[in-house]
Protein backbone atom coordinates (compact mmCIF):
# COMPACT_ATOMS: atom_id res chain seq x y z
CA UNK A 1 -5.73 6.42 -5.42
CA UNK A 2 -3.59 3.35 -5.04
CA UNK A 3 -1.87 2.38 -1.82
CA UNK A 4 1.52 3.14 -3.34
CA UNK A 5 0.34 6.63 -4.30
CA UNK A 6 -1.01 7.19 -0.79
CA UNK A 7 2.32 6.10 0.69
CA UNK A 8 4.23 8.44 -1.63
CA UNK A 9 1.89 11.32 -0.78
CA UNK A 10 2.42 10.77 2.94
CA UNK A 11 6.19 10.62 2.50
CA UNK A 12 6.08 13.80 0.41
CA UNK A 13 4.15 15.57 3.16
CA UNK A 14 6.61 14.34 5.78
CA UNK A 15 9.52 15.43 3.62
CA UNK A 16 8.05 18.92 3.21
CA UNK A 17 7.40 19.20 6.93
CA UNK A 18 10.90 18.02 7.74
CA UNK A 19 12.59 20.12 5.09
CA UNK A 20 14.70 22.03 7.61
CA UNK A 21 15.79 18.79 9.21
CA UNK A 22 16.43 17.41 5.73
CA UNK A 23 19.29 19.89 5.38
CA UNK A 24 20.91 18.42 8.48
CA UNK A 25 20.24 14.73 7.78
CA UNK A 26 21.93 12.91 4.88
CA UNK A 27 19.64 11.70 2.09
CA UNK A 28 20.80 8.10 2.64
CA UNK A 29 19.55 8.24 6.19
CA UNK A 30 16.16 9.55 5.06
CA UNK A 31 15.92 6.79 2.44
CA UNK A 32 16.78 4.20 5.09
CA UNK A 33 14.14 5.65 7.36
CA UNK A 34 11.59 5.49 4.54
CA UNK A 35 12.47 1.83 3.90
CA UNK A 36 11.97 1.01 7.58
CA UNK A 37 8.71 2.95 7.95
CA UNK A 38 7.11 1.89 4.65
CA UNK A 39 5.98 -1.61 5.73
CA UNK A 40 4.31 -0.27 8.88
CA UNK A 41 2.78 2.58 6.93
CA UNK A 42 1.44 0.08 4.39
CA UNK A 43 -0.24 -1.85 7.23
CA UNK A 44 -1.88 1.32 8.54
CA UNK A 45 -3.09 2.26 5.07
CA UNK A 46 -4.44 -1.27 4.55
CA UNK A 47 -6.35 -1.03 7.83
CA UNK A 48 -7.99 2.09 6.40
CA UNK A 49 -9.45 -0.02 3.62
CA UNK A 50 -6.82 0.35 0.91
CA UNK A 51 -4.95 -2.63 -0.52
CA UNK A 52 -2.19 -2.99 -3.06
CA UNK A 53 -3.36 -3.53 -6.62
CA UNK A 54 -1.65 -6.92 -6.77
CA UNK A 55 -3.50 -8.07 -3.65
CA UNK A 56 -6.79 -6.72 -5.01
CA UNK A 57 -6.26 -8.48 -8.34
CA UNK A 58 -5.49 -11.82 -6.70
CA UNK A 59 -8.51 -11.56 -4.38
CA UNK A 60 -10.70 -10.54 -7.31
CA UNK A 61 -9.50 -13.54 -9.33
CA UNK A 62 -10.19 -15.86 -6.39
CA UNK A 63 -13.70 -14.42 -6.00
CA UNK A 64 -14.40 -14.93 -9.71
CA UNK A 65 -13.25 -18.56 -9.54
CA UNK A 66 -15.44 -19.17 -6.50
CA UNK A 67 -18.43 -17.64 -8.26
CA UNK A 68 -17.83 -19.95 -11.24
CA UNK A 69 -17.68 -22.96 -8.93
CA UNK A 70 -20.92 -21.93 -7.24
CA UNK A 71 -22.61 -21.51 -10.60
CA UNK A 72 -21.52 -25.03 -11.64
CA UNK A 73 -22.73 -26.48 -8.33
CA UNK A 74 -26.08 -24.73 -8.66
CA UNK A 75 -26.60 -26.25 -12.12
CA UNK A 76 -26.10 -29.76 -10.73
């Protein structure tokens, strides 16, 4: 499950739990709240060991390049 999917799942759970409040609060306010909470929620999810796919891909590419450099150095 990607970090984005985890975030969406958490927001869906919160939305279900706050459904009664949702009737009282305008949707724009909830969206604004989501936009403010999302970065902090992403940090918490990342601390749990999940990372965004883009971050994973860039780290994976860096690791592959480093492995290639090590292989070249070992040949010399």
